[in-house]
Amino acid sequence: MKITLNGVGNNHCLVFEGKMTCKFAREIENSIIDMMRRHPKINVDLSRVHEIDRCGVHLLSVLKSFGGEAVKIIATSPEVEITLHHLYPLHQHVRPGSNGSKFRKAPALQSASL
């Protein structure tokens, strides 16, 4: 798992690359906490994630719940979308570059805020 922070000033993007799985949960969690302490507004790029499990999805929901509107997921990989679809079948996604919001909440995801 590689985690990179890009950007300057108030415009930062947290880029996850590799596996967002239980094996890397501690590393991901520590990076999320550190980034949220240093940067109150963060974009999240998941386009380079090639594997994600329930732990990874849980960590994303924690990031969104703590960051609220200040955290925006701006891109996802097909693997992330497939996992979200399997875990939350009513969850709809909008591809990057479209006019819709990135994630549309299904009733089951209201509390997760993904």
C-alpha atoms as a PDB file:
ATOM      1  CA  MET A   1       0.000   0.000   0.000  1.00  0.00           C
ATOM      2  CA  LYS A   2       1.352   3.379  -0.991  1.00  0.00           C
ATOM      3  CA  ILE A   3      -0.228   6.569   0.339  1.00  0.00           C
ATOM      4  CA  THR A   4       0.791   9.937  -1.073  1.00  0.00           C
ATOM      5  CA  LEU A   5      -0.319  13.472  -0.276  1.00  0.00           C
ATOM      6  CA  ASN A   6      -0.212  15.861  -3.228  1.00  0.00           C
ATOM      7  CA  GLY A   7      -1.019  19.546  -3.307  1.00  0.00           C
ATOM      8  CA  VAL A   8      -0.308  22.883  -1.689  1.00  0.00           C
ATOM      9  CA  GLY A   9      -2.142  25.358   0.519  1.00  0.00           C
ATOM     10  CA  ASN A  10      -5.716  24.221   1.173  1.00  0.00           C
ATOM     11  CA  ASN A  11      -5.910  21.998  -1.902  1.00  0.00           C
ATOM     12  CA  HIS A  12      -4.629  18.502  -1.014  1.00  0.00           C
ATOM     13  CA  CYS A  13      -5.250  15.101  -2.538  1.00  0.00           C
ATOM     14  CA  LEU A  14      -4.639  11.872  -0.651  1.00  0.00           C
ATOM     15  CA  VAL A  15      -3.769   9.181  -3.205  1.00  0.00           C
ATOM     16  CA  PHE A  16      -4.082   5.513  -2.253  1.00  0.00           C
ATOM     17  CA  GLU A  17      -2.279   2.975  -4.424  1.00  0.00           C
ATOM     18  CA  GLY A  18      -2.253  -0.800  -4.114  1.00  0.00           C
ATOM     19  CA  LYS A  19      -4.296  -2.824  -1.641  1.00  0.00           C
ATOM     20  CA  MET A  20      -6.708  -1.282   0.873  1.00  0.00           C
ATOM     21  CA  THR A  21      -7.102  -4.452   2.899  1.00  0.00           C
ATOM     22  CA  CYS A  22      -7.032  -5.587   6.520  1.00  0.00           C
ATOM     23  CA  LYS A  23      -3.323  -6.330   6.118  1.00  0.00           C
ATOM     24  CA  PHE A  24      -2.664  -2.584   5.692  1.00  0.00           C
ATOM     25  CA  ALA A  25      -5.430  -1.276   7.971  1.00  0.00           C
ATOM     26  CA  ARG A  26      -3.097   0.149  10.637  1.00  0.00           C
ATOM     27  CA  GLU A  27      -0.971   1.979   8.044  1.00  0.00           C
ATOM     28  CA  ILE A  28      -4.059   3.378   6.309  1.00  0.00           C
ATOM     29  CA  GLU A  29      -5.666   4.412   9.589  1.00  0.00           C
ATOM     30  CA  ASN A  30      -2.488   6.180  10.782  1.00  0.00           C
ATOM     31  CA  SER A  31      -2.174   8.038   7.470  1.00  0.00           C
ATOM     32  CA  ILE A  32      -5.809   9.118   7.565  1.00  0.00           C
ATOM     33  CA  ILE A  33      -5.500  10.414  11.138  1.00  0.00           C
ATOM     34  CA  ASP A  34      -2.265  12.241  10.341  1.00  0.00           C
ATOM     35  CA  MET A  35      -3.674  13.852   7.200  1.00  0.00           C
ATOM     36  CA  MET A  36      -6.875  14.944   8.907  1.00  0.00           C
ATOM     37  CA  ARG A  37      -4.882  16.604  11.695  1.00  0.00           C
ATOM     38  CA  ARG A  38      -2.695  18.520   9.251  1.00  0.00           C
ATOM     39  CA  HIS A  39      -5.219  19.268   6.497  1.00  0.00           C
ATOM     40  CA  PRO A  40      -8.872  19.939   7.307  1.00  0.00           C
ATOM     41  CA  LYS A  41      -9.935  19.648   3.636  1.00  0.00           C
ATOM     42  CA  ILE A  42      -8.823  16.645   1.566  1.00  0.00           C
ATOM     43  CA  ASN A  43      -9.680  15.086  -1.782  1.00  0.00           C
ATOM     44  CA  VAL A  44      -9.253  11.310  -1.978  1.00  0.00           C
ATOM     45  CA  ASP A  45      -8.105   9.494  -5.117  1.00  0.00           C
ATOM     46  CA  LEU A  46      -8.778   5.739  -5.152  1.00  0.00           C
ATOM     47  CA  SER A  47      -8.150   5.255  -8.880  1.00  0.00           C
ATOM     48  CA  ARG A  48      -4.937   3.286  -8.216  1.00  0.00           C
ATOM     49  CA  VAL A  49      -6.438   0.883  -5.669  1.00  0.00           C
ATOM     50  CA  HIS A  50      -6.438  -2.596  -7.195  1.00  0.00           C
ATOM     51  CA  GLU A  51      -7.869  -4.447  -4.174  1.00  0.00           C
ATOM     52  CA  ILE A  52     -10.184  -3.347  -1.375  1.00  0.00           C
ATOM     53  CA  ASP A  53     -11.963  -5.396   1.277  1.00  0.00           C
ATOM     54  CA  ARG A  54     -14.413  -4.629   4.089  1.00  0.00           C
ATOM     55  CA  CYS A  55     -11.622  -3.131   6.228  1.00  0.00           C
ATOM     56  CA  GLY A  56     -10.739  -0.712   3.428  1.00  0.00           C
ATOM     57  CA  VAL A  57     -14.369   0.264   2.926  1.00  0.00           C
ATOM     58  CA  HIS A  58     -14.738   0.737   6.685  1.00  0.00           C
ATOM     59  CA  LEU A  59     -11.687   3.016   6.790  1.00  0.00           C
ATOM     60  CA  LEU A  60     -13.139   5.095   3.943  1.00  0.00           C
ATOM     61  CA  SER A  61     -16.395   5.459   5.856  1.00  0.00           C
ATOM     62  CA  VAL A  62     -14.456   6.529   8.976  1.00  0.00           C
ATOM     63  CA  LEU A  63     -12.570   9.102   6.896  1.00  0.00           C
ATOM     64  CA  LYS A  64     -15.836  10.442   5.481  1.00  0.00           C
ATOM     65  CA  SER A  65     -17.590  10.463   8.860  1.00  0.00           C
ATOM     66  CA  PHE A  66     -14.774  12.405  10.567  1.00  0.00           C
ATOM     67  CA  GLY A  67     -14.129  14.723   7.637  1.00  0.00           C
ATOM     68  CA  GLY A  68     -17.719  15.229   6.552  1.00  0.00           C
ATOM     69  CA  GLU A  69     -18.080  17.607   3.620  1.00  0.00           C
ATOM     70  CA  ALA A  70     -14.360  18.467   3.835  1.00  0.00           C
ATOM     71  CA  VAL A  71     -13.478  15.010   2.458  1.00  0.00           C
ATOM     72  CA  LYS A  72     -14.349  14.310  -1.172  1.00  0.00           C
ATOM     73  CA  ILE A  73     -13.683  11.064  -3.003  1.00  0.00           C
ATOM     74  CA  ILE A  74     -12.774  12.296  -6.461  1.00  0.00           C
ATOM     75  CA  ALA A  75     -11.868   9.058  -8.258  1.00  0.00           C
ATOM     76  CA  THR A  76     -12.274   5.307  -7.851  1.00  0.00           C
ATOM     77  CA  SER A  77     -10.870   2.278  -9.624  1.00  0.00           C
ATOM     78  CA  PRO A  78     -13.124  -0.384 -11.143  1.00  0.00           C
ATOM     79  CA  GLU A  79     -12.132  -2.717  -8.271  1.00  0.00           C
ATOM     80  CA  VAL A  80     -13.326  -0.198  -5.677  1.00  0.00           C
ATOM     81  CA  GLU A  81     -16.610   0.288  -7.522  1.00  0.00           C
ATOM     82  CA  ILE A  82     -17.159  -3.476  -7.824  1.00  0.00           C
ATOM     83  CA  THR A  83     -16.510  -4.013  -4.096  1.00  0.00           C
ATOM     84  CA  LEU A  84     -18.835  -1.171  -3.133  1.00  0.00           C
ATOM     85  CA  HIS A  85     -21.479  -2.573  -5.464  1.00  0.00           C
ATOM     86  CA  HIS A  86     -21.175  -6.055  -3.921  1.00  0.00           C
ATOM     87  CA  LEU A  87     -21.227  -4.754  -0.344  1.00  0.00           C
ATOM     88  CA  TYR A  88     -23.962  -2.189  -1.015  1.00  0.00           C
ATOM     89  CA  PRO A  89     -25.993  -3.301  -4.062  1.00  0.00           C
ATOM     90  CA  LEU A  90     -28.192  -0.190  -4.002  1.00  0.00           C
ATOM     91  CA  HIS A  91     -25.153   2.101  -3.992  1.00  0.00           C
ATOM     92  CA  GLN A  92     -24.878   3.974  -7.298  1.00  0.00           C
ATOM     93  CA  HIS A  93     -21.677   5.468  -8.660  1.00  0.00           C
ATOM     94  CA  VAL A  94     -21.093   8.194 -11.190  1.00  0.00           C
ATOM     95  CA  ARG A  95     -17.922   7.962 -13.273  1.00  0.00           C
ATOM     96  CA  PRO A  96     -15.311  10.750 -12.986  1.00  0.00           C
ATOM     97  CA  GLY A  97     -15.885  13.586 -15.431  1.00  0.00           C
ATOM     98  CA  SER A  98     -19.671  13.335 -15.352  1.00  0.00           C
ATOM     99  CA  ASN A  99     -21.905  16.090 -14.020  1.00  0.00           C
ATOM    100  CA  GLY A 100     -23.342  14.007 -11.174  1.00  0.00           C
ATOM    101  CA  SER A 101     -21.967  13.720  -7.692  1.00  0.00           C
ATOM    102  CA  LYS A 102     -19.352  11.007  -7.280  1.00  0.00           C
ATOM    103  CA  PHE A 103     -21.367   8.923  -4.868  1.00  0.00           C
ATOM    104  CA  ARG A 104     -25.104   8.717  -4.431  1.00  0.00           C
ATOM    105  CA  LYS A 105     -26.252   7.352  -1.119  1.00  0.00           C
ATOM    106  CA  ALA A 106     -28.451   4.327  -0.944  1.00  0.00           C
ATOM    107  CA  PRO A 107     -30.608   4.009   2.200  1.00  0.00           C
ATOM    108  CA  ALA A 108     -28.185   1.444   3.677  1.00  0.00           C
ATOM    109  CA  LEU A 109     -25.267   3.870   3.316  1.00  0.00           C
ATOM    110  CA  GLN A 110     -26.807   6.924   4.948  1.00  0.00           C
ATOM    111  CA  SER A 111     -24.867   6.341   8.171  1.00  0.00           C
ATOM    112  CA  ALA A 112     -21.617   5.463   6.389  1.00  0.00           C
ATOM    113  CA  SER A 113     -21.714   8.692   4.312  1.00  0.00           C
ATOM    114  CA  LEU A 114     -19.755   7.225   1.431  1.00  0.00           C
END
